[in-house]
PDB file of all heavy atoms in Angstrom:
ATOM      1  N   TYR A   1      96.445  74.045 104.357  1.00  0.00           N
ATOM      2  CA  TYR A   1      95.551  74.470 103.230  1.00  0.00           C
ATOM      3  C   TYR A   1      94.158  75.029 103.881  1.00  0.00           C
ATOM      4  O   TYR A   1      93.624  76.052 103.496  1.00  0.00           O
ATOM      5  CB  TYR A   1      95.178  73.308 102.339  1.00  0.00           C
ATOM      6  CG  TYR A   1      94.134  73.581 101.215  1.00  0.00           C
ATOM      7  CD1 TYR A   1      94.591  73.955  99.961  1.00  0.00           C
ATOM      8  CD2 TYR A   1      92.846  73.370 101.395  1.00  0.00           C
ATOM      9  CE1 TYR A   1      93.729  74.212  98.976  1.00  0.00           C
ATOM     10  CE2 TYR A   1      91.965  73.651 100.411  1.00  0.00           C
ATOM     11  CZ  TYR A   1      92.421  74.105  99.240  1.00  0.00           C
ATOM     12  OH  TYR A   1      91.475  74.332  98.184  1.00  0.00           O
ATOM     13  N   GLY A   2      93.695  74.285 104.888  1.00  0.00           N
ATOM     14  CA  GLY A   2      92.481  74.735 105.592  1.00  0.00           C
ATOM     15  C   GLY A   2      92.648  76.108 106.233  1.00  0.00           C
ATOM     16  O   GLY A   2      91.762  76.860 106.145  1.00  0.00           O
ATOM     17  N   ARG A   3      93.752  76.398 106.899  1.00  0.00           N
ATOM     18  CA  ARG A   3      93.981  77.646 107.509  1.00  0.00           C
ATOM     19  C   ARG A   3      94.085  78.709 106.529  1.00  0.00           C
ATOM     20  O   ARG A   3      93.573  79.883 106.789  1.00  0.00           O
ATOM     21  CB  ARG A   3      95.296  77.549 108.394  1.00  0.00           C
ATOM     22  CG  ARG A   3      94.987  76.903 109.702  1.00  0.00           C
ATOM     23  CD  ARG A   3      96.185  77.114 110.601  1.00  0.00           C
ATOM     24  NE  ARG A   3      97.411  76.716 110.232  1.00  0.00           N
ATOM     25  CZ  ARG A   3      98.072  75.626 110.637  1.00  0.00           C
ATOM     26  NH1 ARG A   3      97.540  74.837 111.667  1.00  0.00           N
ATOM     27  NH2 ARG A   3      99.299  75.329 110.162  1.00  0.00           N
ATOM     28  N   ILE A   4      94.784  78.501 105.350  1.00  0.00           N
ATOM     29  CA  ILE A   4      94.876  79.495 104.361  1.00  0.00           C
ATOM     30  C   ILE A   4      93.513  79.837 103.736  1.00  0.00           C
ATOM     31  O   ILE A   4      93.212  80.997 103.544  1.00  0.00           O
ATOM     32  CB  ILE A   4      95.806  79.033 103.220  1.00  0.00           C
ATOM     33  CG1 ILE A   4      97.194  78.918 103.687  1.00  0.00           C
ATOM     34  CG2 ILE A   4      95.809  79.944 102.037  1.00  0.00           C
ATOM     35  CD1 ILE A   4      98.269  78.289 102.784  1.00  0.00           C
ATOM     36  N   GLN A   5      92.706  78.849 103.521  1.00  0.00           N
ATOM     37  CA  GLN A   5      91.321  79.193 102.955  1.00  0.00           C
ATOM     38  C   GLN A   5      90.563  79.976 103.887  1.00  0.00           C
ATOM     39  O   GLN A   5      89.825  80.940 103.541  1.00  0.00           O
ATOM     40  CB  GLN A   5      90.641  77.840 102.661  1.00  0.00           C
ATOM     41  CG  GLN A   5      91.149  77.195 101.370  1.00  0.00           C
ATOM     42  CD  GLN A   5      90.605  77.864 100.110  1.00  0.00           C
ATOM     43  OE1 GLN A   5      90.810  79.049  99.972  1.00  0.00           O
ATOM     44  NE2 GLN A   5      90.112  77.110  99.087  1.00  0.00           N
ATOM     45  N   LEU A   6      90.578  79.575 105.186  1.00  0.00           N
ATOM     46  CA  LEU A   6      89.789  80.379 106.204  1.00  0.00           C
ATOM     47  C   LEU A   6      90.370  81.858 106.246  1.00  0.00           C
ATOM     48  O   LEU A   6      89.461  82.688 106.378  1.00  0.00           O
ATOM     49  CB  LEU A   6      90.002  79.720 107.551  1.00  0.00           C
ATOM     50  CG  LEU A   6      89.241  78.356 107.737  1.00  0.00           C
ATOM     51  CD1 LEU A   6      89.502  77.764 109.000  1.00  0.00           C
ATOM     52  CD2 LEU A   6      87.770  78.486 107.625  1.00  0.00           C
ATOM     53  N   LEU A   7      91.622  82.003 106.206  1.00  0.00           N
ATOM     54  CA  LEU A   7      92.148  83.412 106.235  1.00  0.00           C
ATOM     55  C   LEU A   7      91.708  84.241 105.030  1.00  0.00           C
ATOM     56  O   LEU A   7      91.316  85.301 105.102  1.00  0.00           O
ATOM     57  CB  LEU A   7      93.715  83.369 106.365  1.00  0.00           C
ATOM     58  CG  LEU A   7      94.375  84.736 106.242  1.00  0.00           C
ATOM     59  CD1 LEU A   7      94.060  85.518 107.491  1.00  0.00           C
ATOM     60  CD2 LEU A   7      95.835  84.574 105.997  1.00  0.00           C
ATOM     61  N   LEU A   8      91.879  83.563 103.800  1.00  0.00           N
ATOM     62  CA  LEU A   8      91.505  84.206 102.607  1.00  0.00           C
ATOM     63  C   LEU A   8      90.021  84.568 102.591  1.00  0.00           C
ATOM     64  O   LEU A   8      89.685  85.677 101.930  1.00  0.00           O
ATOM     65  CB  LEU A   8      91.821  83.476 101.351  1.00  0.00           C
ATOM     66  CG  LEU A   8      93.403  83.340 101.105  1.00  0.00           C
ATOM     67  CD1 LEU A   8      93.619  82.386 100.011  1.00  0.00           C
ATOM     68  CD2 LEU A   8      94.094  84.623 100.747  1.00  0.00           C
ATOM     69  N   ARG A   9      89.136  83.736 103.100  1.00  0.00           N
ATOM     70  CA  ARG A   9      87.711  84.124 103.151  1.00  0.00           C
ATOM     71  C   ARG A   9      87.345  84.996 104.249  1.00  0.00           C
ATOM     72  O   ARG A   9      86.394  85.766 104.123  1.00  0.00           O
ATOM     73  CB  ARG A   9      86.915  82.763 103.200  1.00  0.00           C
ATOM     74  CG  ARG A   9      86.983  82.000 101.911  1.00  0.00           C
ATOM     75  CD  ARG A   9      86.271  80.686 101.919  1.00  0.00           C
ATOM     76  NE  ARG A   9      86.307  80.115 100.537  1.00  0.00           N
ATOM     77  CZ  ARG A   9      86.165  78.937 100.399  1.00  0.00           C
ATOM     78  NH1 ARG A   9      86.100  78.022 101.293  1.00  0.00           N
ATOM     79  NH2 ARG A   9      86.175  78.378  99.121  1.00  0.00           N
ATOM     80  N   ALA A  10      88.143  84.990 105.343  1.00  0.00           N
ATOM     81  CA  ALA A  10      87.949  85.934 106.361  1.00  0.00           C
ATOM     82  C   ALA A  10      88.382  87.420 106.028  1.00  0.00           C
ATOM     83  O   ALA A  10      87.773  88.335 106.528  1.00  0.00           O
ATOM     84  CB  ALA A  10      88.593  85.524 107.730  1.00  0.00           C
ATOM     85  N   ALA A  11      89.355  87.478 105.246  1.00  0.00           N
ATOM     86  CA  ALA A  11      89.901  88.842 104.807  1.00  0.00           C
ATOM     87  C   ALA A  11      90.058  88.860 103.274  1.00  0.00           C
ATOM     88  O   ALA A  11      91.079  88.906 102.815  1.00  0.00           O
ATOM     89  CB  ALA A  11      91.305  88.971 105.467  1.00  0.00           C
ATOM     90  N   PRO A  12      88.958  88.958 102.591  1.00  0.00           N
ATOM     91  CA  PRO A  12      88.833  89.016 101.137  1.00  0.00           C
ATOM     92  C   PRO A  12      89.471  90.381 100.637  1.00  0.00           C
ATOM     93  O   PRO A  12      89.394  91.306 101.467  1.00  0.00           O
ATOM     94  CB  PRO A  12      87.418  88.819 100.781  1.00  0.00           C
ATOM     95  CG  PRO A  12      86.612  89.307 101.948  1.00  0.00           C
ATOM     96  CD  PRO A  12      87.469  89.030 103.123  1.00  0.00           C
ATOM     97  N   PRO A  13      89.940  90.270  99.455  1.00  0.00           N
ATOM     98  CA  PRO A  13      90.414  91.717  98.970  1.00  0.00           C
ATOM     99  C   PRO A  13      89.278  92.718  98.820  1.00  0.00           C
ATOM    100  O   PRO A  13      88.181  92.281  98.453  1.00  0.00           O
ATOM    101  CB  PRO A  13      91.018  91.362  97.513  1.00  0.00           C
ATOM    102  CG  PRO A  13      90.422  90.037  97.255  1.00  0.00           C
ATOM    103  CD  PRO A  13      90.064  89.311  98.559  1.00  0.00           C
ATOM    104  N   PRO A  14      89.529  93.975  99.045  1.00  0.00           N
ATOM    105  CA  PRO A  14      88.517  94.930  98.875  1.00  0.00           C
ATOM    106  C   PRO A  14      88.089  95.034  97.457  1.00  0.00           C
ATOM    107  O   PRO A  14      88.972  94.759  96.501  1.00  0.00           O
ATOM    108  CB  PRO A  14      89.154  96.280  99.394  1.00  0.00           C
ATOM    109  CG  PRO A  14      90.612  95.948  99.147  1.00  0.00           C
ATOM    110  CD  PRO A  14      90.793  94.505  99.386  1.00  0.00           C
ATOM    111  N   PRO A  15      86.801  95.421  97.167  1.00  0.00           N
ATOM    112  CA  PRO A  15      86.464  95.621  95.758  1.00  0.00           C
ATOM    113  C   PRO A  15      87.183  96.777  95.093  1.00  0.00           C
ATOM    114  O   PRO A  15      87.763  97.682  95.779  1.00  0.00           O
ATOM    115  CB  PRO A  15      84.882  95.886  95.888  1.00  0.00           C
ATOM    116  CG  PRO A  15      84.824  96.475  97.306  1.00  0.00           C
ATOM    117  CD  PRO A  15      85.777  95.799  98.147  1.00  0.00           C
ATOM    118  N   GLU A  16      87.323  96.619  93.824  1.00  0.00           N
ATOM    119  CA  GLU A  16      87.934  97.772  93.065  1.00  0.00           C
ATOM    120  C   GLU A  16      87.223  99.007  93.261  1.00  0.00           C
ATOM    121  O   GLU A  16      86.032  99.035  93.210  1.00  0.00           O
ATOM    122  CB  GLU A  16      88.089  97.349  91.534  1.00  0.00           C
ATOM    123  CG  GLU A  16      89.045  96.192  91.299  1.00  0.00           C
ATOM    124  CD  GLU A  16      89.304  96.036  89.845  1.00  0.00           C
ATOM    125  OE1 GLU A  16      88.865  96.902  89.055  1.00  0.00           O
ATOM    126  OE2 GLU A  16      89.822  94.947  89.412  1.00  0.00           O
ATOM    127  N   ARG A  17      87.972 100.110  93.471  1.00  0.00           N
ATOM    128  CA  ARG A  17      87.285 101.375  93.699  1.00  0.00           C
ATOM    129  C   ARG A  17      87.612 102.268  92.464  1.00  0.00           C
ATOM    130  O   ARG A  17      88.657 102.257  91.892  1.00  0.00           O
ATOM    131  CB  ARG A  17      87.940 102.027  94.928  1.00  0.00           C
ATOM    132  CG  ARG A  17      87.808 101.261  96.284  1.00  0.00           C
ATOM    133  CD  ARG A  17      86.242 101.072  96.567  1.00  0.00           C
ATOM    134  NE  ARG A  17      86.135 100.441  97.912  1.00  0.00           N
ATOM    135  CZ  ARG A  17      84.923 100.084  98.392  1.00  0.00           C
ATOM    136  NH1 ARG A  17      83.842 100.318  97.661  1.00  0.00           N
ATOM    137  NH2 ARG A  17      84.867  99.462  99.574  1.00  0.00           N
ATOM    138  N   LEU A  18      86.618 103.078  92.243  1.00  0.00           N
ATOM    139  CA  LEU A  18      86.756 104.219  91.209  1.00  0.00           C
ATOM    140  C   LEU A  18      87.798 105.145  91.694  1.00  0.00           C
ATOM    141  O   LEU A  18      87.625 105.669  92.801  1.00  0.00           O
ATOM    142  CB  LEU A  18      85.421 104.787  90.878  1.00  0.00           C
ATOM    143  CG  LEU A  18      85.404 105.981  89.829  1.00  0.00           C
ATOM    144  CD1 LEU A  18      85.756 105.327  88.454  1.00  0.00           C
ATOM    145  CD2 LEU A  18      84.107 106.795  89.840  1.00  0.00           C
ATOM    146  N   ARG A  19      88.660 105.586  90.777  1.00  0.00           N
ATOM    147  CA  ARG A  19      89.646 106.526  91.261  1.00  0.00           C
ATOM    148  C   ARG A  19      88.952 107.945  91.346  1.00  0.00           C
ATOM    149  O   ARG A  19      88.347 108.458  90.443  1.00  0.00           O
ATOM    150  CB  ARG A  19      90.861 106.656  90.197  1.00  0.00           C
ATOM    151  CG  ARG A  19      91.930 107.631  90.681  1.00  0.00           C
ATOM    152  CD  ARG A  19      93.011 107.715  89.610  1.00  0.00           C
ATOM    153  NE  ARG A  19      93.992 108.750  90.047  1.00  0.00           N
ATOM    154  CZ  ARG A  19      94.943 108.568  90.811  1.00  0.00           C
ATOM    155  NH1 ARG A  19      95.194 107.281  91.422  1.00  0.00           N
ATOM    156  NH2 ARG A  19      95.861 109.504  91.173  1.00  0.00           N
ATOM    157  N   LEU A  20      89.165 108.460  92.573  1.00  0.00           N
ATOM    158  CA  LEU A  20      88.467 109.772  92.862  1.00  0.00           C
ATOM    159  C   LEU A  20      89.555 110.858  92.671  1.00  0.00           C
ATOM    160  O   LEU A  20      90.797 110.649  92.589  1.00  0.00           O
ATOM    161  CB  LEU A  20      88.119 109.793  94.367  1.00  0.00           C
ATOM    162  CG  LEU A  20      86.987 108.777  94.745  1.00  0.00           C
ATOM    163  CD1 LEU A  20      86.848 108.733  96.306  1.00  0.00           C
ATOM    164  CD2 LEU A  20      85.716 109.000  94.015  1.00  0.00           C
ATOM    165  N   PRO A  21      89.030 112.153  92.463  1.00  0.00           N
ATOM    166  CA  PRO A  21      90.053 113.206  92.361  1.00  0.00           C
ATOM    167  C   PRO A  21      90.795 113.267  93.568  1.00  0.00           C
ATOM    168  O   PRO A  21      90.464 113.031  94.719  1.00  0.00           O
ATOM    169  CB  PRO A  21      89.014 114.428  92.192  1.00  0.00           C
ATOM    170  CG  PRO A  21      87.698 113.892  91.775  1.00  0.00           C
ATOM    171  CD  PRO A  21      87.597 112.551  92.363  1.00  0.00           C
ATOM    172  N   ASP A  22      92.083 113.673  93.347  1.00  0.00           N
ATOM    173  CA  ASP A  22      93.054 113.724  94.459  1.00  0.00           C
ATOM    174  C   ASP A  22      92.450 114.717  95.616  1.00  0.00           C
ATOM    175  O   ASP A  22      91.958 115.724  95.185  1.00  0.00           O
ATOM    176  CB  ASP A  22      94.429 114.357  94.031  1.00  0.00           C
ATOM    177  CG  ASP A  22      95.103 113.259  93.174  1.00  0.00           C
ATOM    178  OD1 ASP A  22      94.692 112.130  93.210  1.00  0.00           O
ATOM    179  OD2 ASP A  22      96.159 113.672  92.597  1.00  0.00           O
ATOM    180  N   PRO A  23      92.533 114.336  96.835  1.00  0.00           N
ATOM    181  CA  PRO A  23      91.885 115.091  97.958  1.00  0.00           C
ATOM    182  C   PRO A  23      92.613 116.398  98.173  1.00  0.00           C
ATOM    183  O   PRO A  23      93.810 116.548  97.969  1.00  0.00           O
ATOM    184  CB  PRO A  23      91.953 114.181  99.123  1.00  0.00           C
ATOM    185  CG  PRO A  23      93.177 113.328  98.828  1.00  0.00           C
ATOM    186  CD  PRO A  23      93.198 113.133  97.405  1.00  0.00           C
ATOM    187  N   THR A  24      91.870 117.457  98.645  1.00  0.00           N
ATOM    188  CA  THR A  24      92.448 118.721  99.035  1.00  0.00           C
ATOM    189  C   THR A  24      92.660 118.739 100.584  1.00  0.00           C
ATOM    190  O   THR A  24      93.495 119.640 101.038  1.00  0.00           O
ATOM    191  CB  THR A  24      91.518 119.919  98.666  1.00  0.00           C
ATOM    192  OG1 THR A  24      90.252 119.787  99.439  1.00  0.00           O
ATOM    193  CG2 THR A  24      91.287 119.904  97.227  1.00  0.00           C
ATOM    194  N   GLY A  25      92.038 117.828 101.392  1.00  0.00           N
ATOM    195  CA  GLY A  25      92.288 117.790 102.788  1.00  0.00           C
ATOM    196  C   GLY A  25      91.033 118.069 103.645  1.00  0.00           C
ATOM    197  O   GLY A  25      91.219 118.162 104.856  1.00  0.00           O
ATOM    198  N   THR A  26      89.875 118.271 103.155  1.00  0.00           N
ATOM    199  CA  THR A  26      88.644 118.536 103.943  1.00  0.00           C
ATOM    200  C   THR A  26      88.295 117.275 104.573  1.00  0.00           C
ATOM    201  O   THR A  26      88.025 116.256 103.917  1.00  0.00           O
ATOM    202  CB  THR A  26      87.587 119.049 103.126  1.00  0.00           C
ATOM    203  OG1 THR A  26      87.997 120.335 102.413  1.00  0.00           O
ATOM    204  CG2 THR A  26      86.366 119.293 103.911  1.00  0.00           C
ATOM    205  N   VAL A  27      88.187 117.298 105.892  1.00  0.00           N
ATOM    206  CA  VAL A  27      87.847 116.128 106.757  1.00  0.00           C
ATOM    207  C   VAL A  27      86.602 116.374 107.420  1.00  0.00           C
ATOM    208  O   VAL A  27      86.289 117.374 108.119  1.00  0.00           O
ATOM    209  CB  VAL A  27      89.027 115.865 107.750  1.00  0.00           C
ATOM    210  CG1 VAL A  27      88.544 114.623 108.675  1.00  0.00           C
ATOM    211  CG2 VAL A  27      90.322 115.513 107.099  1.00  0.00           C
ATOM    212  N   SER A  28      85.554 115.357 107.380  1.00  0.00           N
ATOM    213  CA  SER A  28      84.338 115.412 108.084  1.00  0.00           C
ATOM    214  C   SER A  28      84.176 114.134 108.850  1.00  0.00           C
ATOM    215  O   SER A  28      84.360 113.040 108.376  1.00  0.00           O
ATOM    216  CB  SER A  28      83.152 115.561 107.095  1.00  0.00           C
ATOM    217  OG  SER A  28      83.262 116.758 106.329  1.00  0.00           O
ATOM    218  N   VAL A  29      83.987 114.263 110.179  1.00  0.00           N
ATOM    219  CA  VAL A  29      83.731 113.104 111.097  1.00  0.00           C
ATOM    220  C   VAL A  29      82.298 113.180 111.473  1.00  0.00           C
ATOM    221  O   VAL A  29      81.898 114.246 112.118  1.00  0.00           O
ATOM    222  CB  VAL A  29      84.686 113.186 112.284  1.00  0.00           C
ATOM    223  CG1 VAL A  29      84.324 112.031 113.228  1.00  0.00           C
ATOM    224  CG2 VAL A  29      86.111 113.063 111.791  1.00  0.00           C
ATOM    225  N   GLU A  30      81.562 112.192 111.160  1.00  0.00           N
ATOM    226  CA  GLU A  30      80.023 112.221 111.293  1.00  0.00           C
ATOM    227  C   GLU A  30      79.654 111.128 112.275  1.00  0.00           C
ATOM    228  O   GLU A  30      79.703 109.908 111.902  1.00  0.00           O
ATOM    229  CB  GLU A  30      79.357 112.084 109.932  1.00  0.00           C
ATOM    230  CG  GLU A  30      79.838 113.184 108.954  1.00  0.00           C
ATOM    231  CD  GLU A  30      79.335 112.910 107.523  1.00  0.00           C
ATOM    232  OE1 GLU A  30      78.712 111.810 107.326  1.00  0.00           O
ATOM    233  OE2 GLU A  30      79.481 113.733 106.637  1.00  0.00           O
ATOM    234  N   ASN A  31      79.179 111.534 113.442  1.00  0.00           N
ATOM    235  CA  ASN A  31      78.629 110.619 114.409  1.00  0.00           C
ATOM    236  C   ASN A  31      79.448 109.364 114.577  1.00  0.00           C
ATOM    237  O   ASN A  31      78.944 108.161 114.413  1.00  0.00           O
ATOM    238  CB  ASN A  31      77.191 110.380 114.065  1.00  0.00           C
ATOM    239  CG  ASN A  31      76.382 109.749 115.251  1.00  0.00           C
ATOM    240  OD1 ASN A  31      76.764 110.107 116.377  1.00  0.00           O
ATOM    241  ND2 ASN A  31      75.340 108.937 114.937  1.00  0.00           N
ATOM    242  N   LEU A  32      80.666 109.435 114.734  1.00  0.00           N
ATOM    243  CA  LEU A  32      81.650 108.382 114.671  1.00  0.00           C
ATOM    244  C   LEU A  32      81.638 107.527 115.916  1.00  0.00           C
ATOM    245  O   LEU A  32      81.838 108.026 117.054  1.00  0.00           O
ATOM    246  CB  LEU A  32      83.053 108.886 114.400  1.00  0.00           C
ATOM    247  CG  LEU A  32      84.179 107.920 114.295  1.00  0.00           C
ATOM    248  CD1 LEU A  32      83.952 107.045 112.985  1.00  0.00           C
ATOM    249  CD2 LEU A  32      85.510 108.615 114.132  1.00  0.00           C
ATOM    250  N   PHE A  33      81.564 106.222 115.728  1.00  0.00           N
ATOM    251  CA  PHE A  33      81.766 105.182 116.755  1.00  0.00           C
ATOM    252  C   PHE A  33      82.944 104.227 116.278  1.00  0.00           C
ATOM    253  O   PHE A  33      82.819 103.794 115.161  1.00  0.00           O
ATOM    254  CB  PHE A  33      80.543 104.372 117.014  1.00  0.00           C
ATOM    255  CG  PHE A  33      79.551 105.095 117.896  1.00  0.00           C
ATOM    256  CD1 PHE A  33      78.658 106.004 117.142  1.00  0.00           C
ATOM    257  CD2 PHE A  33      79.261 104.822 119.174  1.00  0.00           C
ATOM    258  CE1 PHE A  33      77.689 106.731 117.859  1.00  0.00           C
ATOM    259  CE2 PHE A  33      78.255 105.520 119.822  1.00  0.00           C
ATOM    260  CZ  PHE A  33      77.510 106.422 119.141  1.00  0.00           C
ATOM    261  N   VAL A  34      83.857 104.034 117.082  1.00  0.00           N
ATOM    262  CA  VAL A  34      85.097 103.196 116.706  1.00  0.00           C
ATOM    263  C   VAL A  34      85.317 102.164 117.849  1.00  0.00           C
ATOM    264  O   VAL A  34      85.374 102.542 119.058  1.00  0.00           O
ATOM    265  CB  VAL A  34      86.310 104.019 116.476  1.00  0.00           C
ATOM    266  CG1 VAL A  34      87.490 102.980 116.060  1.00  0.00           C
ATOM    267  CG2 VAL A  34      86.081 105.006 115.341  1.00  0.00           C
ATOM    268  N   ARG A  35      85.485 100.889 117.328  1.00  0.00           N
ATOM    269  CA  ARG A  35      85.898  99.874 118.365  1.00  0.00           C
ATOM    270  C   ARG A  35      87.342  99.391 118.115  1.00  0.00           C
ATOM    271  O   ARG A  35      87.576  99.224 116.876  1.00  0.00           O
ATOM    272  CB  ARG A  35      84.834  98.671 118.292  1.00  0.00           C
ATOM    273  CG  ARG A  35      83.513  98.936 118.847  1.00  0.00           C
ATOM    274  CD  ARG A  35      82.784  97.615 119.100  1.00  0.00           C
ATOM    275  NE  ARG A  35      82.534  96.953 117.789  1.00  0.00           N
ATOM    276  CZ  ARG A  35      81.390  96.956 117.099  1.00  0.00           C
ATOM    277  NH1 ARG A  35      80.401  97.713 117.572  1.00  0.00           N
ATOM    278  NH2 ARG A  35      81.291  96.360 116.038  1.00  0.00           N
ATOM    279  N   ALA A  36      87.982  99.101 119.097  1.00  0.00           N
ATOM    280  CA  ALA A  36      89.283  98.466 118.841  1.00  0.00           C
ATOM    281  C   ALA A  36      89.032  96.953 118.491  1.00  0.00           C
ATOM    282  O   ALA A  36      88.056  96.442 118.776  1.00  0.00           O
ATOM    283  CB  ALA A  36      90.135  98.484 120.214  1.00  0.00           C
ATOM    284  N   PRO A  37      90.021  96.443 117.657  1.00  0.00           N
ATOM    285  CA  PRO A  37      89.896  95.117 117.192  1.00  0.00           C
ATOM    286  C   PRO A  37      89.736  94.156 118.364  1.00  0.00           C
ATOM    287  O   PRO A  37      90.532  94.265 119.328  1.00  0.00           O
ATOM    288  CB  PRO A  37      91.184  94.876 116.488  1.00  0.00           C
ATOM    289  CG  PRO A  37      91.681  96.194 115.999  1.00  0.00           C
ATOM    290  CD  PRO A  37      91.194  97.112 117.166  1.00  0.00           C
ATOM    291  N   GLY A  38      88.715  93.295 118.321  1.00  0.00           N
ATOM    292  CA  GLY A  38      88.515  92.341 119.346  1.00  0.00           C
ATOM    293  C   GLY A  38      87.753  92.760 120.525  1.00  0.00           C
ATOM    294  O   GLY A  38      87.491  91.990 121.500  1.00  0.00           O
ATOM    295  N   ARG A  39      87.338  93.991 120.488  1.00  0.00           N
ATOM    296  CA  ARG A  39      86.579  94.649 121.620  1.00  0.00           C
ATOM    297  C   ARG A  39      85.144  94.941 121.186  1.00  0.00           C
ATOM    298  O   ARG A  39      84.925  95.359 120.064  1.00  0.00           O
ATOM    299  CB  ARG A  39      87.172  95.816 122.127  1.00  0.00           C
ATOM    300  CG  ARG A  39      88.556  95.574 122.903  1.00  0.00           C
ATOM    301  CD  ARG A  39      89.133  96.849 123.495  1.00  0.00           C
ATOM    302  NE  ARG A  39      88.331  97.475 124.404  1.00  0.00           N
ATOM    303  CZ  ARG A  39      88.572  98.578 125.036  1.00  0.00           C
ATOM    304  NH1 ARG A  39      89.775  99.283 124.758  1.00  0.00           N
ATOM    305  NH2 ARG A  39      87.776  99.227 125.882  1.00  0.00           N
TER     306      ARG A  39
END
């Protein structure tokens, strides 16, 4: 039970998102920094 609660609180469900218009495929990458999990 304790492990389940910790997991559910560490990874809560994302908030509901407003449905956006279907994308056409325009991609913008802006000053992007990305870390690998655990690094």
